[in-house]
Amino acid sequence: MTSKSHNITTYGSSRPLVLPLRPSSISTRTLIHLLYTPRLVEVVKERPKWNATSHSSKVYIQTRLISTSSPAVGARFLPETMEEFYVYMNMRFTEDAKQNPVQIPKSRTNGWQASWKKFLIDMMYLRGYVSLYPNFPNQASFSTNHMEPGALAKDNVVKHDKTDFEVPLLGQDFRNLLPNGKLPPASKLPSLNLFNQALSLKGLKAAGAKLGQDVLECNTNEIVVVSHETGLPSHCARF
C-alpha cells in the first residue's frame, strides 16, 4: 500500500505570505514557507505534542522541518532553496547511507539515513537557515495532513492519532489576524531551534558552525556561504 498522508491546501489565502520574505530581502535566509502547523516534535524520540500558540501569540520563524509532517506536507520551496539543496545533497549522497558525516546531537534525523528530508534538515541546521511556520488560533493552517494507513502511517492506525496531524484549515484572509494587517519583519519574529527550544537567530548559526560538518571546513564563528545563482558553496563567512 502506498502512502496516504494527503496534503489539503488553501493556496489562495497564503500567496501574500511569500512576497515580502524573499531570501535576498532579509539577512536571515528563509528557505521554506510552511503552510502547515505541526502538532508533534518528531525529531526527538518521545515525539511530544507541540502547540505553537502556547509559545507565542505571533506568527513565528522556526529552523526545523519535522519528519512526515513537513516539509512533505504543505511546503512552498523557493527556487534558491532547491538549487542549493540539490547541490548539497549531491555532494553528500553516498551509496552507504551510514557514511553520511552529519550527526546532529540528540536528533532522530540521524537515523533517517536514506531520507532526502534528513539532507535538507542537515543543510539548514549547519547553515542556520529557517522556515516560516504559521501560528494562528486553534493551530489553523493553510494546509492540513490527512492521515490514513499506508507506507508512512503503516496499518497501525491505533498508534497514529489523526488529531496529532490534522489541523483546521484557515477559512479567512490571514492578514486580518496579523498586527496592523502586516507580517512583522523576519528579524522580529520569535525563533526556535530544531527541538522547538527558543534560540536567537545568531544562536542557530552558532549551533551549526559548532557542529563543523558542512561541505567546507570553516571556523567555529563561520558558516558556509553559497552562490545564489548556482547553489555551489563559495566560501566561509563570519556571522
Protein backbone atom coordinates (compact mmCIF):
# COMPACT_ATOMS: atom_id res chain seq x y z
CA MET A 1 0.00 0.00 0.00
CA THR A 2 1.37 3.39 -0.85
CA SER A 3 1.47 6.35 1.46
CA LYS A 4 -1.81 8.04 2.24
CA SER A 5 -0.55 11.12 4.00
CA HIS A 6 -2.53 13.61 1.95
CA ASN A 7 -1.94 17.32 1.75
CA ILE A 8 -5.02 19.57 1.56
CA THR A 9 -4.17 23.21 0.99
CA THR A 10 -5.84 26.58 0.62
CA TYR A 11 -3.24 28.22 -1.64
CA GLY A 12 -5.04 31.45 -2.46
CA SER A 13 -5.08 32.85 1.05
CA SER A 14 -1.37 32.07 1.58
CA ARG A 15 0.05 33.71 -1.53
CA PRO A 16 0.70 37.15 0.05
CA LEU A 17 2.82 35.45 2.72
CA VAL A 18 5.61 34.67 0.27
CA LEU A 19 6.08 38.03 -1.41
CA PRO A 20 7.66 40.08 1.41
CA LEU A 21 10.06 37.35 2.52
CA ARG A 22 12.34 36.68 -0.42
CA PRO A 23 15.80 35.49 0.74
CA SER A 24 17.55 38.49 -0.82
CA SER A 25 15.47 40.91 1.26
CA ILE A 26 16.36 39.63 4.73
CA SER A 27 19.64 38.97 6.48
CA THR A 28 18.47 35.61 7.82
CA ARG A 29 17.57 33.40 4.88
CA THR A 30 14.09 31.95 4.94
CA LEU A 31 14.40 28.87 2.78
CA ILE A 32 10.91 27.41 3.04
CA HIS A 33 7.41 28.70 3.75
CA LEU A 34 5.39 26.06 5.55
CA LEU A 35 1.63 26.24 5.14
CA TYR A 36 1.05 23.60 7.82
CA THR A 37 1.31 23.92 11.60
CA PRO A 38 2.79 20.70 13.04
CA ARG A 39 1.44 19.33 16.29
CA LEU A 40 4.31 16.96 17.11
CA VAL A 41 8.05 17.41 17.55
CA GLU A 42 9.12 14.39 15.55
CA VAL A 43 12.87 14.87 15.68
CA VAL A 44 13.06 13.61 19.26
CA LYS A 45 12.34 10.08 20.44
CA GLU A 46 9.39 10.99 22.66
CA ARG A 47 7.61 12.88 19.84
CA PRO A 48 5.94 15.32 22.29
CA LYS A 49 2.90 17.33 21.34
CA TRP A 50 3.51 20.95 20.35
CA ASN A 51 1.21 23.93 20.32
CA ALA A 52 2.87 26.96 18.76
CA THR A 53 0.24 29.34 20.11
CA SER A 54 1.26 28.49 23.67
CA HIS A 55 4.80 29.60 22.80
CA SER A 56 3.96 32.84 21.08
CA SER A 57 0.87 34.74 20.03
CA LYS A 58 2.66 35.90 16.88
CA VAL A 59 3.49 34.31 13.58
CA TYR A 60 6.92 32.86 14.15
CA ILE A 61 10.06 31.52 12.47
CA GLN A 62 11.47 28.09 13.13
CA THR A 63 14.55 26.36 11.89
CA ARG A 64 13.15 22.88 11.93
CA LEU A 65 11.41 20.57 9.49
CA ILE A 66 9.85 17.55 11.07
CA SER A 67 9.51 14.06 9.69
CA THR A 68 6.33 13.32 7.74
CA SER A 69 4.61 16.48 8.95
CA SER A 70 6.86 18.78 6.96
CA PRO A 71 8.33 19.69 4.60
CA ALA A 72 6.46 16.91 2.79
CA VAL A 73 3.17 18.47 3.87
CA GLY A 74 2.27 21.98 2.78
CA ALA A 75 5.71 23.29 1.86
CA ARG A 76 6.44 26.08 -0.62
CA PHE A 77 10.05 25.87 -1.71
CA LEU A 78 11.78 28.92 -3.12
CA PRO A 79 13.86 28.42 -6.30
CA GLU A 80 17.05 29.35 -4.46
CA THR A 81 16.26 26.70 -1.86
CA MET A 82 16.03 23.86 -4.33
CA GLU A 83 19.16 24.87 -6.27
CA GLU A 84 21.25 24.92 -3.11
CA PHE A 85 19.66 21.76 -1.76
CA TYR A 86 20.30 19.77 -4.94
CA VAL A 87 23.95 20.76 -4.83
CA TYR A 88 24.27 19.93 -1.14
CA MET A 89 22.58 16.54 -1.47
CA ASN A 90 24.69 15.57 -4.48
CA MET A 91 27.83 16.44 -2.53
CA ARG A 92 26.68 14.48 0.50
CA PHE A 93 24.98 11.44 -1.05
CA THR A 94 26.78 8.12 -0.51
CA GLU A 95 25.89 4.58 -1.60
CA ASP A 96 26.30 3.51 2.01
CA ALA A 97 23.91 5.78 3.89
CA LYS A 98 25.79 5.14 7.15
CA GLN A 99 28.73 7.07 5.74
CA ASN A 100 26.80 10.35 6.00
CA PRO A 101 29.07 12.51 8.19
CA VAL A 102 26.38 14.79 9.64
CA GLN A 103 25.13 13.76 13.05
CA ILE A 104 23.01 16.32 14.89
CA PRO A 105 23.18 15.69 18.65
CA LYS A 106 20.04 14.06 20.11
CA SER A 107 18.12 14.21 16.81
CA ARG A 108 16.12 11.29 15.39
CA THR A 109 17.09 12.53 11.94
CA ASN A 110 20.44 10.77 12.39
CA GLY A 111 18.57 7.53 11.81
CA TRP A 112 16.88 8.70 8.61
CA GLN A 113 19.94 7.81 6.57
CA ALA A 114 18.13 7.27 3.26
CA SER A 115 15.69 10.18 3.59
CA TRP A 116 16.01 13.32 1.48
CA LYS A 117 14.47 15.20 4.40
CA LYS A 118 17.48 14.35 6.55
CA PHE A 119 19.74 16.02 3.98
CA LEU A 120 17.54 19.10 3.95
CA ILE A 121 17.40 19.32 7.74
CA ASP A 122 21.16 18.79 7.95
CA MET A 123 21.83 21.60 5.48
CA MET A 124 19.52 24.01 7.26
CA TYR A 125 20.96 23.16 10.67
CA LEU A 126 24.55 23.57 9.52
CA ARG A 127 23.91 26.93 7.84
CA GLY A 128 21.45 28.44 10.31
CA TYR A 129 18.60 28.60 7.82
CA VAL A 130 14.99 28.92 8.89
CA SER A 131 11.48 28.01 7.77
CA LEU A 132 8.45 30.21 8.28
CA TYR A 133 5.57 28.45 10.02
CA PRO A 134 2.02 29.75 10.53
CA ASN A 135 0.83 30.26 14.09
CA PHE A 136 -2.86 31.09 14.20
CA PRO A 137 -5.59 30.41 16.79
CA ASN A 138 -6.57 26.76 17.20
CA GLN A 139 -3.49 25.84 15.08
CA ALA A 140 -5.43 26.74 11.94
CA SER A 141 -3.25 26.48 8.83
CA PHE A 142 -3.22 26.94 5.08
CA SER A 143 -2.70 23.18 4.72
CA THR A 144 -3.54 20.05 6.69
CA ASN A 145 -2.28 16.47 6.82
CA HIS A 146 -4.91 13.81 6.18
CA MET A 147 -3.51 10.60 7.69
CA GLU A 148 -4.63 7.14 6.55
CA PRO A 149 -2.96 3.72 6.73
CA GLY A 150 -0.16 3.47 4.18
CA ALA A 151 3.60 3.45 3.76
CA LEU A 152 4.09 6.31 6.21
CA ALA A 153 1.46 5.51 8.80
CA LYS A 154 1.67 1.73 8.21
CA ASP A 155 -1.51 -0.07 9.18
CA ASN A 156 -1.36 0.62 12.91
CA VAL A 157 -3.86 3.46 12.95
CA VAL A 158 -4.24 2.97 16.70
CA LYS A 159 -0.72 4.36 17.20
CA HIS A 160 -1.30 7.28 14.86
CA ASP A 161 -3.87 9.65 16.30
CA LYS A 162 -5.28 11.74 13.46
CA THR A 163 -5.66 14.70 15.77
CA ASP A 164 -1.86 14.80 16.02
CA PHE A 165 -1.67 15.52 12.30
CA GLU A 166 -4.91 17.04 11.05
CA VAL A 167 -5.38 20.74 11.70
CA PRO A 168 -8.28 23.03 10.74
CA LEU A 169 -7.90 25.00 7.52
CA LEU A 170 -7.80 28.76 7.81
CA GLY A 171 -11.11 29.97 6.45
CA GLN A 172 -10.32 33.69 6.20
CA ASP A 173 -7.73 36.12 4.91
CA PHE A 174 -4.83 35.63 7.31
CA ARG A 175 -3.83 39.28 7.09
CA ASN A 176 -6.80 40.07 9.33
CA LEU A 177 -5.01 38.16 12.09
CA LEU A 178 -1.69 39.99 11.79
CA PRO A 179 -0.65 43.07 13.79
CA ASN A 180 -1.90 46.04 11.76
CA GLY A 181 -2.58 43.61 8.93
CA LYS A 182 1.13 43.17 8.18
CA LEU A 183 3.67 40.39 8.64
CA PRO A 184 6.39 41.56 11.07
CA PRO A 185 9.99 41.70 9.78
CA ALA A 186 11.70 38.32 9.92
CA SER A 187 14.23 39.67 12.41
CA LYS A 188 11.39 40.45 14.83
CA LEU A 189 9.80 37.01 14.81
CA PRO A 190 10.48 34.54 17.64
CA SER A 191 12.97 31.84 16.58
CA LEU A 192 13.21 28.24 17.72
CA ASN A 193 15.80 25.56 17.15
CA LEU A 194 15.34 22.07 15.77
CA PHE A 195 13.86 20.88 19.05
CA ASN A 196 11.39 23.76 19.50
CA GLN A 197 13.57 25.48 22.09
CA ALA A 198 13.87 29.25 21.97
CA LEU A 199 17.17 30.33 20.40
CA SER A 200 18.28 33.53 18.73
CA LEU A 201 18.95 33.63 15.00
CA LYS A 202 22.64 34.08 15.76
CA GLY A 203 22.42 31.13 18.13
CA LEU A 204 21.01 28.97 15.34
CA LYS A 205 24.02 29.76 13.17
CA ALA A 206 26.40 29.19 16.07
CA ALA A 207 24.97 25.71 16.66
CA GLY A 208 25.56 24.73 13.04
CA ALA A 209 29.03 26.24 13.00
CA LYS A 210 29.95 24.41 16.20
CA LEU A 211 28.98 21.10 14.64
CA GLY A 212 31.52 21.81 11.89
CA GLN A 213 30.29 19.18 9.45
CA ASP A 214 29.40 21.23 6.36
CA VAL A 215 30.95 20.65 2.93
CA LEU A 216 33.58 23.36 3.55
CA GLU A 217 35.79 23.43 6.60
CA CYS A 218 35.05 26.68 8.44
CA ASN A 219 35.97 28.18 11.80
CA THR A 220 33.50 27.94 14.67
CA ASN A 221 32.41 31.53 14.10
CA GLU A 222 31.77 31.00 10.39
CA ILE A 223 29.18 29.30 8.19
CA VAL A 224 29.19 28.29 4.53
CA VAL A 225 28.02 30.88 2.00
CA VAL A 226 26.75 29.73 -1.39
CA SER A 227 26.20 31.31 -4.78
CA HIS A 228 22.52 32.22 -5.18
CA GLU A 229 22.86 31.62 -8.92
CA THR A 230 24.39 28.13 -8.86
CA GLY A 231 23.82 26.87 -5.31
CA LEU A 232 27.52 25.94 -5.13
CA PRO A 233 29.39 26.55 -1.87
CA SER A 234 31.56 29.64 -2.25
CA HIS A 235 33.37 30.47 0.98
CA CYS A 236 33.11 30.70 4.75
CA ALA A 237 31.84 33.91 6.32
CA ARG A 238 31.56 35.16 9.89
CA PHE A 239 28.09 35.60 11.35
